[in-house]
Amino acid sequence: MGTISAEGWYRDPFAIHEDRWMSQGRPTKLVRDGGVEAYDPPPDLPLPAELVPAVSDGGEASGPPGPGEEEPGYSDRRARRAAFDAITGASLVDEPGGDW
């Protein structure tokens, strides 16, 4: 399979949650169910050949935001953390009392 350039919210390819944040084509532990974000590491399974962009409440695909836009509920901090976790394998432990 070639490299997938998925970035943003996609339907969870593992069907565990509604949506999962993808970073550089890789699933992260950032998930979303009913608009509520949480963390759940992705299982060690292959990705399907095609990823499906998540759909916003307005019925539009909620892929990456355009220039100067932010996705509703988007957090630069959480997105950076999800990307970092995807690269490091989520080997860091959060400090107690943190807002992750």
PDB file of N, CA and C in Angstrom:
ATOM      1  N   MET A   1       0.845  -1.164   0.000  1.00  0.00           N
ATOM      2  CA  MET A   1       0.000   0.000   0.000  1.00  0.00           C
ATOM      3  C   MET A   1       0.896   1.234   0.000  1.00  0.00           C
ATOM      4  N   GLY A   2       0.537   2.274  -0.752  1.00  0.00           N
ATOM      5  CA  GLY A   2       1.306   3.504  -0.809  1.00  0.00           C
ATOM      6  C   GLY A   2       1.065   4.361   0.419  1.00  0.00           C
ATOM      7  N   THR A   3       1.791   5.453   0.485  1.00  0.00           N
ATOM      8  CA  THR A   3       1.643   6.364   1.609  1.00  0.00           C
ATOM      9  C   THR A   3       0.345   7.144   1.489  1.00  0.00           C
ATOM     10  N   ILE A   4      -0.403   7.205   2.571  1.00  0.00           N
ATOM     11  CA  ILE A   4      -1.644   7.965   2.609  1.00  0.00           C
ATOM     12  C   ILE A   4      -1.334   9.304   3.270  1.00  0.00           C
ATOM     13  N   SER A   5      -1.798  10.401   2.675  1.00  0.00           N
ATOM     14  CA  SER A   5      -1.495  11.716   3.234  1.00  0.00           C
ATOM     15  C   SER A   5      -2.645  12.253   4.080  1.00  0.00           C
ATOM     16  N   ALA A   6      -3.374  11.386   4.743  1.00  0.00           N
ATOM     17  CA  ALA A   6      -4.518  11.810   5.555  1.00  0.00           C
ATOM     18  C   ALA A   6      -4.042  12.643   6.736  1.00  0.00           C
ATOM     19  N   GLU A   7      -4.720  13.770   6.945  1.00  0.00           N
ATOM     20  CA  GLU A   7      -4.434  14.663   8.071  1.00  0.00           C
ATOM     21  C   GLU A   7      -5.764  15.234   8.532  1.00  0.00           C
ATOM     22  N   GLY A   8      -6.131  14.973   9.769  1.00  0.00           N
ATOM     23  CA  GLY A   8      -7.383  15.490  10.305  1.00  0.00           C
ATOM     24  C   GLY A   8      -8.278  14.366  10.795  1.00  0.00           C
ATOM     25  N   TRP A   9      -9.556  14.703  10.982  1.00  0.00           N
ATOM     26  CA  TRP A   9     -10.532  13.725  11.485  1.00  0.00           C
ATOM     27  C   TRP A   9     -11.046  12.828  10.364  1.00  0.00           C
ATOM     28  N   TYR A  10     -11.009  11.531  10.616  1.00  0.00           N
ATOM     29  CA  TYR A  10     -11.541  10.526   9.694  1.00  0.00           C
ATOM     30  C   TYR A  10     -12.392   9.563  10.503  1.00  0.00           C
ATOM     31  N   ARG A  11     -13.324   8.892   9.827  1.00  0.00           N
ATOM     32  CA  ARG A  11     -14.076   7.827  10.499  1.00  0.00           C
ATOM     33  C   ARG A  11     -13.046   6.828  11.020  1.00  0.00           C
ATOM     34  N   ASP A  12     -13.264   6.331  12.216  1.00  0.00           N
ATOM     35  CA  ASP A  12     -12.290   5.407  12.801  1.00  0.00           C
ATOM     36  C   ASP A  12     -12.187   4.168  11.914  1.00  0.00           C
ATOM     37  N   PRO A  13     -11.028   3.954  11.291  1.00  0.00           N
ATOM     38  CA  PRO A  13     -10.886   2.811  10.379  1.00  0.00           C
ATOM     39  C   PRO A  13     -10.973   1.465  11.090  1.00  0.00           C
ATOM     40  N   PHE A  14     -10.892   1.479  12.419  1.00  0.00           N
ATOM     41  CA  PHE A  14     -10.965   0.239  13.182  1.00  0.00           C
ATOM     42  C   PHE A  14     -12.367   0.009  13.743  1.00  0.00           C
ATOM     43  N   ALA A  15     -13.287   0.953  13.511  1.00  0.00           N
ATOM     44  CA  ALA A  15     -14.691   0.875  13.952  1.00  0.00           C
ATOM     45  C   ALA A  15     -14.825   0.715  15.469  1.00  0.00           C
ATOM     46  N   ILE A  16     -13.890   1.291  16.206  1.00  0.00           N
ATOM     47  CA  ILE A  16     -13.963   1.271  17.662  1.00  0.00           C
ATOM     48  C   ILE A  16     -14.663   2.542  18.150  1.00  0.00           C
ATOM     49  N   HIS A  17     -14.349   3.660  17.527  1.00  0.00           N
ATOM     50  CA  HIS A  17     -14.909   4.969  17.864  1.00  0.00           C
ATOM     51  C   HIS A  17     -15.547   5.557  16.610  1.00  0.00           C
ATOM     52  N   GLU A  18     -16.227   6.691  16.760  1.00  0.00           N
ATOM     53  CA  GLU A  18     -16.821   7.334  15.596  1.00  0.00           C
ATOM     54  C   GLU A  18     -15.728   7.888  14.679  1.00  0.00           C
ATOM     55  N   ASP A  19     -14.819   8.671  15.243  1.00  0.00           N
ATOM     56  CA  ASP A  19     -13.764   9.304  14.450  1.00  0.00           C
ATOM     57  C   ASP A  19     -12.418   9.100  15.123  1.00  0.00           C
ATOM     58  N   ARG A  20     -11.370   9.189  14.317  1.00  0.00           N
ATOM     59  CA  ARG A  20      -9.998   9.102  14.826  1.00  0.00           C
ATOM     60  C   ARG A  20      -9.160  10.129  14.081  1.00  0.00           C
ATOM     61  N   TRP A  21      -8.284  10.837  14.802  1.00  0.00           N
ATOM     62  CA  TRP A  21      -7.401  11.835  14.192  1.00  0.00           C
ATOM     63  C   TRP A  21      -6.273  11.111  13.483  1.00  0.00           C
ATOM     64  N   MET A  22      -6.075  11.479  12.224  1.00  0.00           N
ATOM     65  CA  MET A  22      -4.988  10.914  11.433  1.00  0.00           C
ATOM     66  C   MET A  22      -3.914  11.977  11.274  1.00  0.00           C
ATOM     67  N   SER A  23      -2.666  11.585  11.392  1.00  0.00           N
ATOM     68  CA  SER A  23      -1.550  12.497  11.228  1.00  0.00           C
ATOM     69  C   SER A  23      -0.561  11.859  10.266  1.00  0.00           C
ATOM     70  N   GLN A  24      -0.347  12.519   9.148  1.00  0.00           N
ATOM     71  CA  GLN A  24       0.556  12.018   8.103  1.00  0.00           C
ATOM     72  C   GLN A  24       0.190  10.598   7.695  1.00  0.00           C
ATOM     73  N   GLY A  25      -1.123  10.341   7.619  1.00  0.00           N
ATOM     74  CA  GLY A  25      -1.605   9.039   7.182  1.00  0.00           C
ATOM     75  C   GLY A  25      -1.562   7.958   8.232  1.00  0.00           C
ATOM     76  N   ARG A  26      -1.215   8.328   9.467  1.00  0.00           N
ATOM     77  CA  ARG A  26      -1.126   7.333  10.538  1.00  0.00           C
ATOM     78  C   ARG A  26      -2.187   7.618  11.596  1.00  0.00           C
ATOM     79  N   PRO A  27      -2.853   6.580  12.099  1.00  0.00           N
ATOM     80  CA  PRO A  27      -3.855   6.798  13.153  1.00  0.00           C
ATOM     81  C   PRO A  27      -3.174   7.201  14.456  1.00  0.00           C
ATOM     82  N   THR A  28      -3.785   8.145  15.160  1.00  0.00           N
ATOM     83  CA  THR A  28      -3.273   8.563  16.458  1.00  0.00           C
ATOM     84  C   THR A  28      -4.212   8.050  17.550  1.00  0.00           C
ATOM     85  N   LYS A  29      -3.872   8.328  18.797  1.00  0.00           N
ATOM     86  CA  LYS A  29      -4.726   7.904  19.897  1.00  0.00           C
ATOM     87  C   LYS A  29      -5.866   8.883  20.152  1.00  0.00           C
ATOM     88  N   LEU A  30      -5.904  10.029  19.463  1.00  0.00           N
ATOM     89  CA  LEU A  30      -6.968  11.009  19.641  1.00  0.00           C
ATOM     90  C   LEU A  30      -8.218  10.532  18.909  1.00  0.00           C
ATOM     91  N   VAL A  31      -9.292  10.312  19.663  1.00  0.00           N
ATOM     92  CA  VAL A  31     -10.544   9.796  19.110  1.00  0.00           C
ATOM     93  C   VAL A  31     -11.691  10.733  19.495  1.00  0.00           C
ATOM     94  N   ARG A  32     -12.835  10.530  18.832  1.00  0.00           N
ATOM     95  CA  ARG A  32     -14.002  11.367  19.094  1.00  0.00           C
ATOM     96  C   ARG A  32     -15.259  10.526  18.957  1.00  0.00           C
ATOM     97  N   ASP A  33     -16.135  10.643  19.976  1.00  0.00           N
ATOM     98  CA  ASP A  33     -17.436   9.974  19.972  1.00  0.00           C
ATOM     99  C   ASP A  33     -18.468  10.987  20.430  1.00  0.00           C
ATOM    100  N   GLY A  34     -19.490  11.234  19.622  1.00  0.00           N
ATOM    101  CA  GLY A  34     -20.526  12.193  19.984  1.00  0.00           C
ATOM    102  C   GLY A  34     -19.971  13.582  20.211  1.00  0.00           C
ATOM    103  N   GLY A  35     -18.902  13.940  19.515  1.00  0.00           N
ATOM    104  CA  GLY A  35     -18.287  15.254  19.655  1.00  0.00           C
ATOM    105  C   GLY A  35     -17.350  15.376  20.848  1.00  0.00           C
ATOM    106  N   VAL A  36     -17.225  14.326  21.653  1.00  0.00           N
ATOM    107  CA  VAL A  36     -16.359  14.344  22.827  1.00  0.00           C
ATOM    108  C   VAL A  36     -15.036  13.661  22.476  1.00  0.00           C
ATOM    109  N   GLU A  37     -13.943  14.385  22.690  1.00  0.00           N
ATOM    110  CA  GLU A  37     -12.625  13.847  22.380  1.00  0.00           C
ATOM    111  C   GLU A  37     -12.049  13.091  23.571  1.00  0.00           C
ATOM    112  N   ALA A  38     -11.288  12.051  23.272  1.00  0.00           N
ATOM    113  CA  ALA A  38     -10.633  11.236  24.295  1.00  0.00           C
ATOM    114  C   ALA A  38      -9.399  10.599  23.656  1.00  0.00           C
ATOM    115  N   TYR A  39      -8.689   9.821  24.433  1.00  0.00           N
ATOM    116  CA  TYR A  39      -7.524   9.100  23.938  1.00  0.00           C
ATOM    117  C   TYR A  39      -7.761   7.598  24.022  1.00  0.00           C
ATOM    118  N   ASP A  40      -7.431   6.911  22.946  1.00  0.00           N
ATOM    119  CA  ASP A  40      -7.466   5.457  22.916  1.00  0.00           C
ATOM    120  C   ASP A  40      -6.471   5.026  21.845  1.00  0.00           C
ATOM    121  N   PRO A  41      -5.354   4.434  22.242  1.00  0.00           N
ATOM    122  CA  PRO A  41      -4.345   4.049  21.252  1.00  0.00           C
ATOM    123  C   PRO A  41      -4.941   3.160  20.160  1.00  0.00           C
ATOM    124  N   PRO A  42      -4.511   3.359  18.922  1.00  0.00           N
ATOM    125  CA  PRO A  42      -5.034   2.518  17.842  1.00  0.00           C
ATOM    126  C   PRO A  42      -4.533   1.086  17.985  1.00  0.00           C
ATOM    127  N   PRO A  43      -5.354   0.126  17.577  1.00  0.00           N
ATOM    128  CA  PRO A  43      -4.897  -1.275  17.630  1.00  0.00           C
ATOM    129  C   PRO A  43      -3.813  -1.515  16.583  1.00  0.00           C
ATOM    130  N   ASP A  44      -3.080  -2.547  16.779  1.00  0.00           N
ATOM    131  CA  ASP A  44      -2.008  -2.907  15.846  1.00  0.00           C
ATOM    132  C   ASP A  44      -2.598  -3.721  14.692  1.00  0.00           C
ATOM    133  N   LEU A  45      -3.369  -3.031  13.852  1.00  0.00           N
ATOM    134  CA  LEU A  45      -4.016  -3.650  12.701  1.00  0.00           C
ATOM    135  C   LEU A  45      -3.707  -2.838  11.461  1.00  0.00           C
ATOM    136  N   PRO A  46      -3.728  -3.444  10.298  1.00  0.00           N
ATOM    137  CA  PRO A  46      -3.492  -2.673   9.065  1.00  0.00           C
ATOM    138  C   PRO A  46      -4.656  -1.729   8.782  1.00  0.00           C
ATOM    139  N   LEU A  47      -4.343  -0.602   8.152  1.00  0.00           N
ATOM    140  CA  LEU A  47      -5.383   0.342   7.744  1.00  0.00           C
ATOM    141  C   LEU A  47      -6.078  -0.156   6.491  1.00  0.00           C
ATOM    142  N   PRO A  48      -7.348   0.203   6.322  1.00  0.00           N
ATOM    143  CA  PRO A  48      -8.032  -0.157   5.072  1.00  0.00           C
ATOM    144  C   PRO A  48      -7.418   0.631   3.911  1.00  0.00           C
ATOM    145  N   ALA A  49      -7.690   0.196   2.711  1.00  0.00           N
ATOM    146  CA  ALA A  49      -7.129   0.851   1.526  1.00  0.00           C
ATOM    147  C   ALA A  49      -7.618   2.287   1.386  1.00  0.00           C
ATOM    148  N   GLU A  50      -8.827   2.577   1.856  1.00  0.00           N
ATOM    149  CA  GLU A  50      -9.382   3.919   1.715  1.00  0.00           C
ATOM    150  C   GLU A  50      -9.916   4.408   3.053  1.00  0.00           C
ATOM    151  N   LEU A  51      -9.520   5.633   3.437  1.00  0.00           N
ATOM    152  CA  LEU A  51     -10.018   6.252   4.658  1.00  0.00           C
ATOM    153  C   LEU A  51     -11.190   7.160   4.308  1.00  0.00           C
ATOM    154  N   VAL A  52     -12.159   7.252   5.213  1.00  0.00           N
ATOM    155  CA  VAL A  52     -13.358   8.055   4.989  1.00  0.00           C
ATOM    156  C   VAL A  52     -13.296   9.291   5.874  1.00  0.00           C
ATOM    157  N   PRO A  53     -13.294  10.498   5.270  1.00  0.00           N
ATOM    158  CA  PRO A  53     -13.275  11.718   6.090  1.00  0.00           C
ATOM    159  C   PRO A  53     -14.495  11.758   7.002  1.00  0.00           C
ATOM    160  N   ALA A  54     -14.293  12.267   8.233  1.00  0.00           N
ATOM    161  CA  ALA A  54     -15.399  12.404   9.184  1.00  0.00           C
ATOM    162  C   ALA A  54     -16.355  13.475   8.681  1.00  0.00           C
ATOM    163  N   VAL A  55     -17.618  13.349   9.049  1.00  0.00           N
ATOM    164  CA  VAL A  55     -18.638  14.303   8.635  1.00  0.00           C
ATOM    165  C   VAL A  55     -19.004  15.163   9.831  1.00  0.00           C
ATOM    166  N   SER A  56     -19.029  16.483   9.635  1.00  0.00           N
ATOM    167  CA  SER A  56     -19.394  17.401  10.713  1.00  0.00           C
ATOM    168  C   SER A  56     -20.899  17.375  10.930  1.00  0.00           C
ATOM    169  N   ASP A  57     -21.368  18.068  11.969  1.00  0.00           N
ATOM    170  CA  ASP A  57     -22.798  18.131  12.263  1.00  0.00           C
ATOM    171  C   ASP A  57     -23.580  18.748  11.114  1.00  0.00           C
ATOM    172  N   GLY A  58     -22.950  19.606  10.339  1.00  0.00           N
ATOM    173  CA  GLY A  58     -23.627  20.245   9.206  1.00  0.00           C
ATOM    174  C   GLY A  58     -23.685  19.365   7.976  1.00  0.00           C
ATOM    175  N   GLY A  59     -23.178  18.133   8.056  1.00  0.00           N
ATOM    176  CA  GLY A  59     -23.238  17.218   6.935  1.00  0.00           C
ATOM    177  C   GLY A  59     -22.080  17.348   5.974  1.00  0.00           C
ATOM    178  N   GLU A  60     -21.105  18.208   6.297  1.00  0.00           N
ATOM    179  CA  GLU A  60     -19.951  18.390   5.424  1.00  0.00           C
ATOM    180  C   GLU A  60     -18.788  17.556   5.947  1.00  0.00           C
ATOM    181  N   ALA A  61     -17.920  17.152   5.026  1.00  0.00           N
ATOM    182  CA  ALA A  61     -16.725  16.428   5.441  1.00  0.00           C
ATOM    183  C   ALA A  61     -15.892  17.348   6.310  1.00  0.00           C
ATOM    184  N   SER A  62     -15.368  16.806   7.405  1.00  0.00           N
ATOM    185  CA  SER A  62     -14.572  17.639   8.308  1.00  0.00           C
ATOM    186  C   SER A  62     -13.110  17.259   8.199  1.00  0.00           C
ATOM    187  N   GLY A  63     -12.577  17.396   7.022  1.00  0.00           N
ATOM    188  CA  GLY A  63     -11.169  17.150   6.800  1.00  0.00           C
ATOM    189  C   GLY A  63     -10.352  18.290   7.360  1.00  0.00           C
ATOM    190  N   PRO A  64      -9.131  18.431   6.924  1.00  0.00           N
ATOM    191  CA  PRO A  64      -8.290  19.497   7.436  1.00  0.00           C
ATOM    192  C   PRO A  64      -8.905  20.862   7.143  1.00  0.00           C
ATOM    193  N   PRO A  65      -8.781  21.814   8.090  1.00  0.00           N
ATOM    194  CA  PRO A  65      -9.326  23.142   7.844  1.00  0.00           C
ATOM    195  C   PRO A  65      -8.558  23.857   6.750  1.00  0.00           C
ATOM    196  N   GLY A  66      -9.221  24.790   6.101  1.00  0.00           N
ATOM    197  CA  GLY A  66      -8.582  25.596   5.067  1.00  0.00           C
ATOM    198  C   GLY A  66      -7.696  26.655   5.686  1.00  0.00           C
ATOM    199  N   PRO A  67      -6.987  27.423   4.860  1.00  0.00           N
ATOM    200  CA  PRO A  67      -6.107  28.470   5.371  1.00  0.00           C
ATOM    201  C   PRO A  67      -6.890  29.461   6.236  1.00  0.00           C
ATOM    202  N   GLY A  68      -6.369  29.742   7.423  1.00  0.00           N
ATOM    203  CA  GLY A  68      -6.996  30.697   8.319  1.00  0.00           C
ATOM    204  C   GLY A  68      -8.216  30.168   9.046  1.00  0.00           C
ATOM    205  N   GLU A  69      -8.548  28.874   8.887  1.00  0.00           N
ATOM    206  CA  GLU A  69      -9.717  28.292   9.549  1.00  0.00           C
ATOM    207  C   GLU A  69      -9.258  27.287  10.597  1.00  0.00           C
ATOM    208  N   GLU A  70     -10.100  27.106  11.586  1.00  0.00           N
ATOM    209  CA  GLU A  70      -9.876  26.036  12.546  1.00  0.00           C
ATOM    210  C   GLU A  70     -11.135  25.194  12.630  1.00  0.00           C
ATOM    211  N   GLU A  71     -10.971  23.911  12.761  1.00  0.00           N
ATOM    212  CA  GLU A  71     -12.096  23.001  12.921  1.00  0.00           C
ATOM    213  C   GLU A  71     -12.754  23.278  14.271  1.00  0.00           C
ATOM    214  N   PRO A  72     -14.079  23.256  14.361  1.00  0.00           N
ATOM    215  CA  PRO A  72     -14.733  23.446  15.650  1.00  0.00           C
ATOM    216  C   PRO A  72     -14.213  22.427  16.667  1.00  0.00           C
ATOM    217  N   GLY A  73     -13.862  22.903  17.835  1.00  0.00           N
ATOM    218  CA  GLY A  73     -13.332  22.024  18.862  1.00  0.00           C
ATOM    219  C   GLY A  73     -11.876  21.653  18.644  1.00  0.00           C
ATOM    220  N   TYR A  74     -11.268  22.238  17.633  1.00  0.00           N
ATOM    221  CA  TYR A  74      -9.874  21.942  17.305  1.00  0.00           C
ATOM    222  C   TYR A  74      -8.955  22.589  18.325  1.00  0.00           C
ATOM    223  N   SER A  75      -7.907  21.926  18.687  1.00  0.00           N
ATOM    224  CA  SER A  75      -6.917  22.454  19.607  1.00  0.00           C
ATOM    225  C   SER A  75      -5.539  22.196  19.016  1.00  0.00           C
ATOM    226  N   ASP A  76      -4.797  23.276  18.764  1.00  0.00           N
ATOM    227  CA  ASP A  76      -3.429  23.111  18.269  1.00  0.00           C
ATOM    228  C   ASP A  76      -2.611  22.235  19.217  1.00  0.00           C
ATOM    229  N   ARG A  77      -2.819  22.446  20.500  1.00  0.00           N
ATOM    230  CA  ARG A  77      -2.056  21.701  21.493  1.00  0.00           C
ATOM    231  C   ARG A  77      -2.355  20.205  21.408  1.00  0.00           C
ATOM    232  N   ARG A  78      -3.643  19.841  21.332  1.00  0.00           N
ATOM    233  CA  ARG A  78      -3.994  18.415  21.234  1.00  0.00           C
ATOM    234  C   ARG A  78      -3.517  17.821  19.908  1.00  0.00           C
ATOM    235  N   ALA A  79      -3.602  18.599  18.840  1.00  0.00           N
ATOM    236  CA  ALA A  79      -3.153  18.092  17.539  1.00  0.00           C
ATOM    237  C   ALA A  79      -1.646  17.857  17.538  1.00  0.00           C
ATOM    238  N   ARG A  80      -0.903  18.800  18.117  1.00  0.00           N
ATOM    239  CA  ARG A  80       0.552  18.605  18.202  1.00  0.00           C
ATOM    240  C   ARG A  80       0.872  17.380  19.043  1.00  0.00           C
ATOM    241  N   ARG A  81       0.133  17.205  20.139  1.00  0.00           N
ATOM    242  CA  ARG A  81       0.379  16.059  21.015  1.00  0.00           C
ATOM    243  C   ARG A  81       0.063  14.754  20.287  1.00  0.00           C
ATOM    244  N   ALA A  82      -1.043  14.728  19.551  1.00  0.00           N
ATOM    245  CA  ALA A  82      -1.411  13.527  18.810  1.00  0.00           C
ATOM    246  C   ALA A  82      -0.346  13.188  17.770  1.00  0.00           C
ATOM    247  N   ALA A  83       0.161  14.215  17.083  1.00  0.00           N
ATOM    248  CA  ALA A  83       1.216  13.981  16.088  1.00  0.00           C
ATOM    249  C   ALA A  83       2.483  13.465  16.765  1.00  0.00           C
ATOM    250  N   PHE A  84       2.837  14.077  17.890  1.00  0.00           N
ATOM    251  CA  PHE A  84       4.017  13.639  18.629  1.00  0.00           C
ATOM    252  C   PHE A  84       3.853  12.192  19.093  1.00  0.00           C
ATOM    253  N   ASP A  85       2.667  11.871  19.594  1.00  0.00           N
ATOM    254  CA  ASP A  85       2.405  10.502  20.038  1.00  0.00           C
ATOM    255  C   ASP A  85       2.495   9.513  18.884  1.00  0.00           C
ATOM    256  N   ALA A  86       2.034   9.919  17.698  1.00  0.00           N
ATOM    257  CA  ALA A  86       2.102   9.033  16.536  1.00  0.00           C
ATOM    258  C   ALA A  86       3.559   8.738  16.173  1.00  0.00           C
ATOM    259  N   ILE A  87       4.404   9.744  16.331  1.00  0.00           N
ATOM    260  CA  ILE A  87       5.819   9.578  15.980  1.00  0.00           C
ATOM    261  C   ILE A  87       6.556   8.762  17.036  1.00  0.00           C
ATOM    262  N   THR A  88       6.277   9.042  18.320  1.00  0.00           N
ATOM    263  CA  THR A  88       7.022   8.390  19.407  1.00  0.00           C
ATOM    264  C   THR A  88       6.396   7.094  19.885  1.00  0.00           C
ATOM    265  N   GLY A  89       5.227   6.760  19.358  1.00  0.00           N
ATOM    266  CA  GLY A  89       4.550   5.553  19.830  1.00  0.00           C
ATOM    267  C   GLY A  89       3.884   5.764  21.172  1.00  0.00           C
ATOM    268  N   ALA A  90       3.594   7.033  21.505  1.00  0.00           N
ATOM    269  CA  ALA A  90       2.898   7.398  22.751  1.00  0.00           C
ATOM    270  C   ALA A  90       3.645   6.869  23.966  1.00  0.00           C
ATOM    271  N   SER A  91       4.977   6.988  23.945  1.00  0.00           N
ATOM    272  CA  SER A  91       5.772   6.443  25.037  1.00  0.00           C
ATOM    273  C   SER A  91       5.886   7.389  26.222  1.00  0.00           C
ATOM    274  N   LEU A  92       5.419   8.631  26.102  1.00  0.00           N
ATOM    275  CA  LEU A  92       5.469   9.563  27.224  1.00  0.00           C
ATOM    276  C   LEU A  92       4.236   9.414  28.086  1.00  0.00           C
ATOM    277  N   VAL A  93       4.390   9.639  29.367  1.00  0.00           N
ATOM    278  CA  VAL A  93       3.279   9.559  30.313  1.00  0.00           C
ATOM    279  C   VAL A  93       2.873  10.969  30.691  1.00  0.00           C
ATOM    280  N   ASP A  94       1.577  11.255  30.694  1.00  0.00           N
ATOM    281  CA  ASP A  94       1.082  12.575  31.069  1.00  0.00           C
ATOM    282  C   ASP A  94       1.245  12.793  32.565  1.00  0.00           C
ATOM    283  N   GLU A  95       1.482  14.049  32.919  1.00  0.00           N
ATOM    284  CA  GLU A  95       1.568  14.408  34.323  1.00  0.00           C
ATOM    285  C   GLU A  95       0.178  14.449  34.940  1.00  0.00           C
ATOM    286  N   PRO A  96       0.026  14.062  36.214  1.00  0.00           N
ATOM    287  CA  PRO A  96      -1.277  14.170  36.870  1.00  0.00           C
ATOM    288  C   PRO A  96      -1.734  15.620  36.886  1.00  0.00           C
ATOM    289  N   GLY A  97      -3.018  15.829  36.687  1.00  0.00           N
ATOM    290  CA  GLY A  97      -3.567  17.184  36.706  1.00  0.00           C
ATOM    291  C   GLY A  97      -3.454  17.894  35.384  1.00  0.00           C
ATOM    292  N   GLY A  98      -2.859  17.264  34.373  1.00  0.00           N
ATOM    293  CA  GLY A  98      -2.756  17.881  33.055  1.00  0.00           C
ATOM    294  C   GLY A  98      -4.092  17.883  32.354  1.00  0.00           C
ATOM    295  N   ASP A  99      -4.227  18.682  31.312  1.00  0.00           N
ATOM    296  CA  ASP A  99      -5.514  18.759  30.611  1.00  0.00           C
ATOM    297  C   ASP A  99      -5.533  17.926  29.343  1.00  0.00           C
ATOM    298  N   TRP A 100      -4.754  16.850  29.328  1.00  0.00           N
ATOM    299  CA  TRP A 100      -4.738  15.990  28.149  1.00  0.00           C
ATOM    300  C   TRP A 100      -5.843  15.031  28.314  1.00  0.00           C
TER     301      TRP A 100
END
